[in-house]
Amino acid sequence: MMRLQKGVAMGLVFLFLAGIPGLVWAQESRDVSSGEVIALLKVQNSELANDIRQIHREIAALRADLDEPGMKEVFAGIGYIVGLFGMAAFAAARRRRQ
């Protein structure tokens, strides 16, 4: 029974694949002049250039946002400064004891 199912499935696949070339040949071929193709390519080129410009603007905006310090960096800087003053106060206190 399994062989029969596989055989039917394979037959359907081959029939489907055999029908595809007929469908491809049945499509009408358009006569397109080179001027139309060039015009179409120029339009697509200008659209692509606009899209690329927009992407460059977005990347520049993201880089500008990343260059600015956030809250994490601000608090880290304040903690660093407080830590340096704490070390200086500790060293000064040890010198006074000696």
PDB file of N, CA and C in Angstrom:
ATOM      1  N   MET A   1       0.819  -1.193   0.000  1.00  0.00           N
ATOM      2  CA  MET A   1       0.000   0.000   0.000  1.00  0.00           C
ATOM      3  C   MET A   1       0.867   1.262   0.000  1.00  0.00           C
ATOM      4  N   MET A   2       1.978   1.190   0.755  1.00  0.00           N
ATOM      5  CA  MET A   2       2.863   2.346   0.854  1.00  0.00           C
ATOM      6  C   MET A   2       3.507   2.650  -0.493  1.00  0.00           C
ATOM      7  N   ARG A   3       3.851   1.591  -1.242  1.00  0.00           N
ATOM      8  CA  ARG A   3       4.457   1.789  -2.559  1.00  0.00           C
ATOM      9  C   ARG A   3       3.488   2.475  -3.514  1.00  0.00           C
ATOM     10  N   LEU A   4       2.212   2.126  -3.403  1.00  0.00           N
ATOM     11  CA  LEU A   4       1.202   2.719  -4.257  1.00  0.00           C
ATOM     12  C   LEU A   4       1.059   4.210  -3.975  1.00  0.00           C
ATOM     13  N   GLN A   5       1.069   4.571  -2.687  1.00  0.00           N
ATOM     14  CA  GLN A   5       0.954   5.981  -2.310  1.00  0.00           C
ATOM     15  C   GLN A   5       2.164   6.770  -2.797  1.00  0.00           C
ATOM     16  N   LYS A   6       3.344   6.185  -2.629  1.00  0.00           N
ATOM     17  CA  LYS A   6       4.554   6.863  -3.100  1.00  0.00           C
ATOM     18  C   LYS A   6       4.533   7.013  -4.615  1.00  0.00           C
ATOM     19  N   GLY A   7       4.060   5.954  -5.318  1.00  0.00           N
ATOM     20  CA  GLY A   7       4.002   6.009  -6.773  1.00  0.00           C
ATOM     21  C   GLY A   7       3.039   7.074  -7.257  1.00  0.00           C
ATOM     22  N   VAL A   8       1.877   7.172  -6.602  1.00  0.00           N
ATOM     23  CA  VAL A   8       0.895   8.193  -6.987  1.00  0.00           C
ATOM     24  C   VAL A   8       1.448   9.584  -6.709  1.00  0.00           C
ATOM     25  N   ALA A   9       2.097   9.753  -5.551  1.00  0.00           N
ATOM     26  CA  ALA A   9       2.665  11.053  -5.205  1.00  0.00           C
ATOM     27  C   ALA A   9       3.740  11.452  -6.212  1.00  0.00           C
ATOM     28  N   MET A  10       4.617  10.527  -6.564  1.00  0.00           N
ATOM     29  CA  MET A  10       5.678  10.830  -7.520  1.00  0.00           C
ATOM     30  C   MET A  10       5.089  11.145  -8.890  1.00  0.00           C
ATOM     31  N   GLY A  11       4.043  10.417  -9.296  1.00  0.00           N
ATOM     32  CA  GLY A  11       3.389  10.688 -10.570  1.00  0.00           C
ATOM     33  C   GLY A  11       2.796  12.089 -10.610  1.00  0.00           C
ATOM     34  N   LEU A  12       2.157  12.502  -9.503  1.00  0.00           N
ATOM     35  CA  LEU A  12       1.592  13.855  -9.447  1.00  0.00           C
ATOM     36  C   LEU A  12       2.684  14.922  -9.523  1.00  0.00           C
ATOM     37  N   VAL A  13       3.793  14.668  -8.846  1.00  0.00           N
ATOM     38  CA  VAL A  13       4.908  15.618  -8.890  1.00  0.00           C
ATOM     39  C   VAL A  13       5.434  15.737 -10.315  1.00  0.00           C
ATOM     40  N   PHE A  14       5.617  14.611 -11.003  1.00  0.00           N
ATOM     41  CA  PHE A  14       6.132  14.657 -12.369  1.00  0.00           C
ATOM     42  C   PHE A  14       5.153  15.342 -13.318  1.00  0.00           C
ATOM     43  N   LEU A  15       3.858  15.095 -13.136  1.00  0.00           N
ATOM     44  CA  LEU A  15       2.862  15.769 -13.970  1.00  0.00           C
ATOM     45  C   LEU A  15       2.879  17.274 -13.731  1.00  0.00           C
ATOM     46  N   PHE A  16       3.022  17.654 -12.461  1.00  0.00           N
ATOM     47  CA  PHE A  16       3.082  19.080 -12.137  1.00  0.00           C
ATOM     48  C   PHE A  16       4.302  19.724 -12.777  1.00  0.00           C
ATOM     49  N   LEU A  17       5.455  19.058 -12.635  1.00  0.00           N
ATOM     50  CA  LEU A  17       6.680  19.610 -13.196  1.00  0.00           C
ATOM     51  C   LEU A  17       6.645  19.632 -14.716  1.00  0.00           C
ATOM     52  N   ALA A  18       5.992  18.670 -15.331  1.00  0.00           N
ATOM     53  CA  ALA A  18       5.894  18.639 -16.781  1.00  0.00           C
ATOM     54  C   ALA A  18       4.982  19.749 -17.287  1.00  0.00           C
ATOM     55  N   GLY A  19       4.032  20.167 -16.471  1.00  0.00           N
ATOM     56  CA  GLY A  19       3.116  21.228 -16.876  1.00  0.00           C
ATOM     57  C   GLY A  19       3.717  22.611 -16.768  1.00  0.00           C
ATOM     58  N   ILE A  20       4.750  22.795 -15.967  1.00  0.00           N
ATOM     59  CA  ILE A  20       5.352  24.116 -15.780  1.00  0.00           C
ATOM     60  C   ILE A  20       5.966  24.657 -17.064  1.00  0.00           C
ATOM     61  N   PRO A  21       6.750  23.884 -17.830  1.00  0.00           N
ATOM     62  CA  PRO A  21       7.304  24.458 -19.069  1.00  0.00           C
ATOM     63  C   PRO A  21       6.223  24.920 -20.036  1.00  0.00           C
ATOM     64  N   GLY A  22       5.104  24.199 -20.083  1.00  0.00           N
ATOM     65  CA  GLY A  22       4.004  24.630 -20.939  1.00  0.00           C
ATOM     66  C   GLY A  22       3.451  25.969 -20.512  1.00  0.00           C
ATOM     67  N   LEU A  23       3.358  26.183 -19.206  1.00  0.00           N
ATOM     68  CA  LEU A  23       2.870  27.465 -18.702  1.00  0.00           C
ATOM     69  C   LEU A  23       3.857  28.587 -19.004  1.00  0.00           C
ATOM     70  N   VAL A  24       5.129  28.273 -18.914  1.00  0.00           N
ATOM     71  CA  VAL A  24       6.145  29.293 -19.189  1.00  0.00           C
ATOM     72  C   VAL A  24       6.108  29.693 -20.654  1.00  0.00           C
ATOM     73  N   TRP A  25       5.964  28.714 -21.543  1.00  0.00           N
ATOM     74  CA  TRP A  25       5.925  29.014 -22.974  1.00  0.00           C
ATOM     75  C   TRP A  25       4.643  29.726 -23.361  1.00  0.00           C
ATOM     76  N   ALA A  26       3.574  29.542 -22.571  1.00  0.00           N
ATOM     77  CA  ALA A  26       2.284  30.131 -22.932  1.00  0.00           C
ATOM     78  C   ALA A  26       2.237  31.627 -22.643  1.00  0.00           C
ATOM     79  N   GLN A  27       3.172  32.134 -21.847  1.00  0.00           N
ATOM     80  CA  GLN A  27       3.165  33.558 -21.529  1.00  0.00           C
ATOM     81  C   GLN A  27       3.536  34.361 -22.758  1.00  0.00           C
ATOM     82  N   GLU A  28       2.894  35.518 -22.867  1.00  0.00           N
ATOM     83  CA  GLU A  28       3.195  36.394 -23.996  1.00  0.00           C
ATOM     84  C   GLU A  28       4.523  37.098 -23.759  1.00  0.00           C
ATOM     85  N   SER A  29       5.286  37.208 -24.785  1.00  0.00           N
ATOM     86  CA  SER A  29       6.528  37.967 -24.673  1.00  0.00           C
ATOM     87  C   SER A  29       6.241  39.389 -25.130  1.00  0.00           C
ATOM     88  N   ARG A  30       6.694  40.329 -24.317  1.00  0.00           N
ATOM     89  CA  ARG A  30       6.465  41.727 -24.653  1.00  0.00           C
ATOM     90  C   ARG A  30       7.645  42.253 -25.450  1.00  0.00           C
ATOM     91  N   ASP A  31       7.332  43.060 -26.412  1.00  0.00           N
ATOM     92  CA  ASP A  31       8.400  43.745 -27.136  1.00  0.00           C
ATOM     93  C   ASP A  31       8.691  45.037 -26.384  1.00  0.00           C
ATOM     94  N   VAL A  32       9.815  45.053 -25.725  1.00  0.00           N
ATOM     95  CA  VAL A  32      10.201  46.212 -24.937  1.00  0.00           C
ATOM     96  C   VAL A  32      11.420  46.823 -25.607  1.00  0.00           C
ATOM     97  N   SER A  33      11.311  48.083 -25.887  1.00  0.00           N
ATOM     98  CA  SER A  33      12.446  48.750 -26.517  1.00  0.00           C
ATOM     99  C   SER A  33      13.497  49.063 -25.464  1.00  0.00           C
ATOM    100  N   SER A  34      14.696  49.276 -25.915  1.00  0.00           N
ATOM    101  CA  SER A  34      15.785  49.569 -24.985  1.00  0.00           C
ATOM    102  C   SER A  34      15.564  50.906 -24.292  1.00  0.00           C
ATOM    103  N   GLY A  35      14.875  51.831 -24.951  1.00  0.00           N
ATOM    104  CA  GLY A  35      14.580  53.124 -24.324  1.00  0.00           C
ATOM    105  C   GLY A  35      13.675  52.963 -23.115  1.00  0.00           C
ATOM    106  N   GLU A  36      12.679  52.068 -23.223  1.00  0.00           N
ATOM    107  CA  GLU A  36      11.791  51.823 -22.086  1.00  0.00           C
ATOM    108  C   GLU A  36      12.549  51.173 -20.934  1.00  0.00           C
ATOM    109  N   VAL A  37      13.426  50.252 -21.275  1.00  0.00           N
ATOM    110  CA  VAL A  37      14.211  49.582 -20.242  1.00  0.00           C
ATOM    111  C   VAL A  37      15.120  50.587 -19.543  1.00  0.00           C
ATOM    112  N   ILE A  38      15.749  51.454 -20.306  1.00  0.00           N
ATOM    113  CA  ILE A  38      16.636  52.466 -19.720  1.00  0.00           C
ATOM    114  C   ILE A  38      15.852  53.415 -18.839  1.00  0.00           C
ATOM    115  N   ALA A  39      14.672  53.819 -19.288  1.00  0.00           N
ATOM    116  CA  ALA A  39      13.843  54.717 -18.480  1.00  0.00           C
ATOM    117  C   ALA A  39      13.423  54.038 -17.175  1.00  0.00           C
ATOM    118  N   LEU A  40      13.042  52.781 -17.257  1.00  0.00           N
ATOM    119  CA  LEU A  40      12.653  52.032 -16.073  1.00  0.00           C
ATOM    120  C   LEU A  40      13.826  51.894 -15.106  1.00  0.00           C
ATOM    121  N   LEU A  41      15.003  51.607 -15.644  1.00  0.00           N
ATOM    122  CA  LEU A  41      16.189  51.485 -14.797  1.00  0.00           C
ATOM    123  C   LEU A  41      16.544  52.810 -14.132  1.00  0.00           C
ATOM    124  N   LYS A  42      16.372  53.924 -14.836  1.00  0.00           N
ATOM    125  CA  LYS A  42      16.652  55.240 -14.244  1.00  0.00           C
ATOM    126  C   LYS A  42      15.692  55.537 -13.109  1.00  0.00           C
ATOM    127  N   VAL A  43      14.421  55.190 -13.295  1.00  0.00           N
ATOM    128  CA  VAL A  43      13.432  55.407 -12.226  1.00  0.00           C
ATOM    129  C   VAL A  43      13.781  54.557 -11.014  1.00  0.00           C
ATOM    130  N   GLN A  44      14.097  53.295 -11.245  1.00  0.00           N
ATOM    131  CA  GLN A  44      14.464  52.419 -10.142  1.00  0.00           C
ATOM    132  C   GLN A  44      15.742  52.888  -9.460  1.00  0.00           C
ATOM    133  N   ASN A  45      16.679  53.388 -10.242  1.00  0.00           N
ATOM    134  CA  ASN A  45      17.931  53.893  -9.687  1.00  0.00           C
ATOM    135  C   ASN A  45      17.680  55.101  -8.790  1.00  0.00           C
ATOM    136  N   SER A  46      16.824  56.014  -9.222  1.00  0.00           N
ATOM    137  CA  SER A  46      16.539  57.197  -8.405  1.00  0.00           C
ATOM    138  C   SER A  46      15.801  56.814  -7.126  1.00  0.00           C
ATOM    139  N   GLU A  47      14.868  55.840  -7.211  1.00  0.00           N
ATOM    140  CA  GLU A  47      14.169  55.378  -6.014  1.00  0.00           C
ATOM    141  C   GLU A  47      15.137  54.718  -5.041  1.00  0.00           C
ATOM    142  N   LEU A  48      16.046  53.924  -5.578  1.00  0.00           N
ATOM    143  CA  LEU A  48      17.037  53.264  -4.748  1.00  0.00           C
ATOM    144  C   LEU A  48      17.960  54.283  -4.094  1.00  0.00           C
ATOM    145  N   ALA A  49      18.360  55.313  -4.838  1.00  0.00           N
ATOM    146  CA  ALA A  49      19.218  56.359  -4.274  1.00  0.00           C
ATOM    147  C   ALA A  49      18.498  57.083  -3.138  1.00  0.00           C
ATOM    148  N   ASN A  50      17.205  57.360  -3.302  1.00  0.00           N
ATOM    149  CA  ASN A  50      16.440  58.013  -2.231  1.00  0.00           C
ATOM    150  C   ASN A  50      16.366  57.119  -0.998  1.00  0.00           C
ATOM    151  N   ASP A  51      16.143  55.822  -1.214  1.00  0.00           N
ATOM    152  CA  ASP A  51      16.085  54.892  -0.087  1.00  0.00           C
ATOM    153  C   ASP A  51      17.420  54.829   0.639  1.00  0.00           C
ATOM    154  N   ILE A  52      18.501  54.798  -0.108  1.00  0.00           N
ATOM    155  CA  ILE A  52      19.828  54.726   0.504  1.00  0.00           C
ATOM    156  C   ILE A  52      20.129  56.006   1.282  1.00  0.00           C
ATOM    157  N   ARG A  53      19.738  57.172   0.738  1.00  0.00           N
ATOM    158  CA  ARG A  53      19.925  58.431   1.465  1.00  0.00           C
ATOM    159  C   ARG A  53      19.176  58.414   2.791  1.00  0.00           C
ATOM    160  N   GLN A  54      17.950  57.903   2.769  1.00  0.00           N
ATOM    161  CA  GLN A  54      17.146  57.821   3.992  1.00  0.00           C
ATOM    162  C   GLN A  54      17.806  56.901   5.016  1.00  0.00           C
ATOM    163  N   ILE A  55      18.350  55.790   4.550  1.00  0.00           N
ATOM    164  CA  ILE A  55      19.031  54.863   5.458  1.00  0.00           C
ATOM    165  C   ILE A  55      20.273  55.519   6.053  1.00  0.00           C
ATOM    166  N   HIS A  56      21.014  56.273   5.238  1.00  0.00           N
ATOM    167  CA  HIS A  56      22.193  56.972   5.753  1.00  0.00           C
ATOM    168  C   HIS A  56      21.794  57.994   6.812  1.00  0.00           C
ATOM    169  N   ARG A  57      20.683  58.704   6.592  1.00  0.00           N
ATOM    170  CA  ARG A  57      20.208  59.679   7.591  1.00  0.00           C
ATOM    171  C   ARG A  57      19.853  58.977   8.901  1.00  0.00           C
ATOM    172  N   GLU A  58      19.174  57.837   8.792  1.00  0.00           N
ATOM    173  CA  GLU A  58      18.785  57.109   9.996  1.00  0.00           C
ATOM    174  C   GLU A  58      20.010  56.584  10.747  1.00  0.00           C
ATOM    175  N   ILE A  59      20.997  56.106  10.023  1.00  0.00           N
ATOM    176  CA  ILE A  59      22.228  55.617  10.667  1.00  0.00           C
ATOM    177  C   ILE A  59      22.944  56.768  11.362  1.00  0.00           C
ATOM    178  N   ALA A  60      22.996  57.927  10.723  1.00  0.00           N
ATOM    179  CA  ALA A  60      23.641  59.090  11.343  1.00  0.00           C
ATOM    180  C   ALA A  60      22.904  59.500  12.611  1.00  0.00           C
ATOM    181  N   ALA A  61      21.578  59.461  12.590  1.00  0.00           N
ATOM    182  CA  ALA A  61      20.801  59.809  13.779  1.00  0.00           C
ATOM    183  C   ALA A  61      21.051  58.809  14.903  1.00  0.00           C
ATOM    184  N   LEU A  62      21.147  57.526  14.558  1.00  0.00           N
ATOM    185  CA  LEU A  62      21.432  56.518  15.577  1.00  0.00           C
ATOM    186  C   LEU A  62      22.811  56.709  16.178  1.00  0.00           C
ATOM    187  N   ARG A  63      23.784  57.031  15.338  1.00  0.00           N
ATOM    188  CA  ARG A  63      25.136  57.274  15.857  1.00  0.00           C
ATOM    189  C   ARG A  63      25.166  58.484  16.766  1.00  0.00           C
ATOM    190  N   ALA A  64      24.421  59.529  16.424  1.00  0.00           N
ATOM    191  CA  ALA A  64      24.373  60.725  17.271  1.00  0.00           C
ATOM    192  C   ALA A  64      23.751  60.390  18.618  1.00  0.00           C
ATOM    193  N   ASP A  65      22.714  59.538  18.610  1.00  0.00           N
ATOM    194  CA  ASP A  65      22.083  59.137  19.869  1.00  0.00           C
ATOM    195  C   ASP A  65      23.025  58.300  20.716  1.00  0.00           C
ATOM    196  N   LEU A  66      23.816  57.460  20.075  1.00  0.00           N
ATOM    197  CA  LEU A  66      24.734  56.604  20.818  1.00  0.00           C
ATOM    198  C   LEU A  66      25.927  57.376  21.370  1.00  0.00           C
ATOM    199  N   ASP A  67      26.293  58.487  20.728  1.00  0.00           N
ATOM    200  CA  ASP A  67      27.433  59.275  21.185  1.00  0.00           C
ATOM    201  C   ASP A  67      27.123  60.064  22.448  1.00  0.00           C
ATOM    202  N   GLU A  68      25.860  60.366  22.699  1.00  0.00           N
ATOM    203  CA  GLU A  68      25.488  61.128  23.885  1.00  0.00           C
ATOM    204  C   GLU A  68      25.524  60.211  25.101  1.00  0.00           C
ATOM    205  N   PRO A  69      26.033  60.723  26.240  1.00  0.00           N
ATOM    206  CA  PRO A  69      26.062  59.876  27.437  1.00  0.00           C
ATOM    207  C   PRO A  69      24.658  59.696  28.005  1.00  0.00           C
ATOM    208  N   GLY A  70      24.391  58.501  28.475  1.00  0.00           N
ATOM    209  CA  GLY A  70      23.104  58.203  29.081  1.00  0.00           C
ATOM    210  C   GLY A  70      23.187  58.323  30.592  1.00  0.00           C
ATOM    211  N   MET A  71      22.103  57.948  31.252  1.00  0.00           N
ATOM    212  CA  MET A  71      22.060  58.041  32.710  1.00  0.00           C
ATOM    213  C   MET A  71      23.108  57.126  33.351  1.00  0.00           C
ATOM    214  N   LYS A  72      23.318  55.974  32.760  1.00  0.00           N
ATOM    215  CA  LYS A  72      24.296  55.033  33.303  1.00  0.00           C
ATOM    216  C   LYS A  72      25.694  55.651  33.314  1.00  0.00           C
ATOM    217  N   GLU A  73      26.056  56.288  32.231  1.00  0.00           N
ATOM    218  CA  GLU A  73      27.382  56.895  32.142  1.00  0.00           C
ATOM    219  C   GLU A  73      27.519  58.078  33.096  1.00  0.00           C
ATOM    220  N   VAL A  74      26.446  58.881  33.257  1.00  0.00           N
ATOM    221  CA  VAL A  74      26.478  60.038  34.163  1.00  0.00           C
ATOM    222  C   VAL A  74      26.696  59.571  35.593  1.00  0.00           C
ATOM    223  N   PHE A  75      25.910  58.565  36.033  1.00  0.00           N
ATOM    224  CA  PHE A  75      26.070  58.078  37.404  1.00  0.00           C
ATOM    225  C   PHE A  75      27.413  57.389  37.598  1.00  0.00           C
ATOM    226  N   ALA A  76      27.911  56.721  36.580  1.00  0.00           N
ATOM    227  CA  ALA A  76      29.228  56.089  36.680  1.00  0.00           C
ATOM    228  C   ALA A  76      30.314  57.148  36.847  1.00  0.00           C
ATOM    229  N   GLY A  77      30.201  58.259  36.130  1.00  0.00           N
ATOM    230  CA  GLY A  77      31.175  59.350  36.263  1.00  0.00           C
ATOM    231  C   GLY A  77      31.129  59.984  37.638  1.00  0.00           C
ATOM    232  N   ILE A  78      29.924  60.197  38.156  1.00  0.00           N
ATOM    233  CA  ILE A  78      29.788  60.777  39.502  1.00  0.00           C
ATOM    234  C   ILE A  78      30.365  59.821  40.542  1.00  0.00           C
ATOM    235  N   GLY A  79      30.091  58.530  40.399  1.00  0.00           N
ATOM    236  CA  GLY A  79      30.637  57.541  41.327  1.00  0.00           C
ATOM    237  C   GLY A  79      32.157  57.482  41.265  1.00  0.00           C
ATOM    238  N   TYR A  80      32.706  57.628  40.092  1.00  0.00           N
ATOM    239  CA  TYR A  80      34.163  57.623  39.931  1.00  0.00           C
ATOM    240  C   TYR A  80      34.786  58.818  40.661  1.00  0.00           C
ATOM    241  N   ILE A  81      34.183  59.974  40.498  1.00  0.00           N
ATOM    242  CA  ILE A  81      34.698  61.186  41.148  1.00  0.00           C
ATOM    243  C   ILE A  81      34.582  61.061  42.664  1.00  0.00           C
ATOM    244  N   VAL A  82      33.428  60.577  43.153  1.00  0.00           N
ATOM    245  CA  VAL A  82      33.246  60.398  44.599  1.00  0.00           C
ATOM    246  C   VAL A  82      34.256  59.387  45.127  1.00  0.00           C
ATOM    247  N   GLY A  83      34.492  58.329  44.382  1.00  0.00           N
ATOM    248  CA  GLY A  83      35.472  57.334  44.793  1.00  0.00           C
ATOM    249  C   GLY A  83      36.876  57.909  44.879  1.00  0.00           C
ATOM    250  N   LEU A  84      37.252  58.747  43.923  1.00  0.00           N
ATOM    251  CA  LEU A  84      38.580  59.379  43.977  1.00  0.00           C
ATOM    252  C   LEU A  84      38.709  60.293  45.196  1.00  0.00           C
ATOM    253  N   PHE A  85      37.653  61.063  45.473  1.00  0.00           N
ATOM    254  CA  PHE A  85      37.694  61.924  46.664  1.00  0.00           C
ATOM    255  C   PHE A  85      37.735  61.087  47.939  1.00  0.00           C
ATOM    256  N   GLY A  86      37.034  59.944  47.947  1.00  0.00           N
ATOM    257  CA  GLY A  86      37.073  59.061  49.115  1.00  0.00           C
ATOM    258  C   GLY A  86      38.462  58.496  49.335  1.00  0.00           C
ATOM    259  N   MET A  87      39.134  58.097  48.266  1.00  0.00           N
ATOM    260  CA  MET A  87      40.499  57.592  48.402  1.00  0.00           C
ATOM    261  C   MET A  87      41.438  58.685  48.891  1.00  0.00           C
ATOM    262  N   ALA A  88      41.257  59.916  48.391  1.00  0.00           N
ATOM    263  CA  ALA A  88      42.096  61.035  48.837  1.00  0.00           C
ATOM    264  C   ALA A  88      41.845  61.317  50.314  1.00  0.00           C
ATOM    265  N   ALA A  89      40.587  61.283  50.754  1.00  0.00           N
ATOM    266  CA  ALA A  89      40.276  61.522  52.168  1.00  0.00           C
ATOM    267  C   ALA A  89      40.851  60.404  53.030  1.00  0.00           C
ATOM    268  N   PHE A  90      40.793  59.174  52.585  1.00  0.00           N
ATOM    269  CA  PHE A  90      41.355  58.054  53.329  1.00  0.00           C
ATOM    270  C   PHE A  90      42.866  58.213  53.478  1.00  0.00           C
ATOM    271  N   ALA A  91      43.533  58.573  52.381  1.00  0.00           N
ATOM    272  CA  ALA A  91      44.986  58.766  52.433  1.00  0.00           C
ATOM    273  C   ALA A  91      45.338  59.926  53.353  1.00  0.00           C
ATOM    274  N   ALA A  92      44.562  61.002  53.325  1.00  0.00           N
ATOM    275  CA  ALA A  92      44.836  62.147  54.196  1.00  0.00           C
ATOM    276  C   ALA A  92      44.613  61.777  55.658  1.00  0.00           C
ATOM    277  N   ALA A  93      43.607  60.957  55.939  1.00  0.00           N
ATOM    278  CA  ALA A  93      43.337  60.553  57.323  1.00  0.00           C
ATOM    279  C   ALA A  93      44.448  59.653  57.841  1.00  0.00           C
ATOM    280  N   ARG A  94      44.987  58.787  57.000  1.00  0.00           N
ATOM    281  CA  ARG A  94      46.078  57.902  57.437  1.00  0.00           C
ATOM    282  C   ARG A  94      47.351  58.700  57.715  1.00  0.00           C
ATOM    283  N   ARG A  95      47.574  59.747  56.922  1.00  0.00           N
ATOM    284  CA  ARG A  95      48.770  60.580  57.148  1.00  0.00           C
ATOM    285  C   ARG A  95      48.671  61.324  58.479  1.00  0.00           C
ATOM    286  N   ARG A  96      47.488  61.751  58.827  1.00  0.00           N
ATOM    287  CA  ARG A  96      47.303  62.493  60.106  1.00  0.00           C
ATOM    288  C   ARG A  96      47.527  61.587  61.300  1.00  0.00           C
ATOM    289  N   ARG A  97      47.173  60.295  61.171  1.00  0.00           N
ATOM    290  CA  ARG A  97      47.367  59.363  62.296  1.00  0.00           C
ATOM    291  C   ARG A  97      48.848  59.086  62.515  1.00  0.00           C
ATOM    292  N   GLN A  98      49.640  59.097  61.502  1.00  0.00           N
ATOM    293  CA  GLN A  98      51.050  58.761  61.641  1.00  0.00           C
ATOM    294  C   GLN A  98      51.767  59.954  62.102  1.00  0.00           C
TER     295      GLN A  98
END
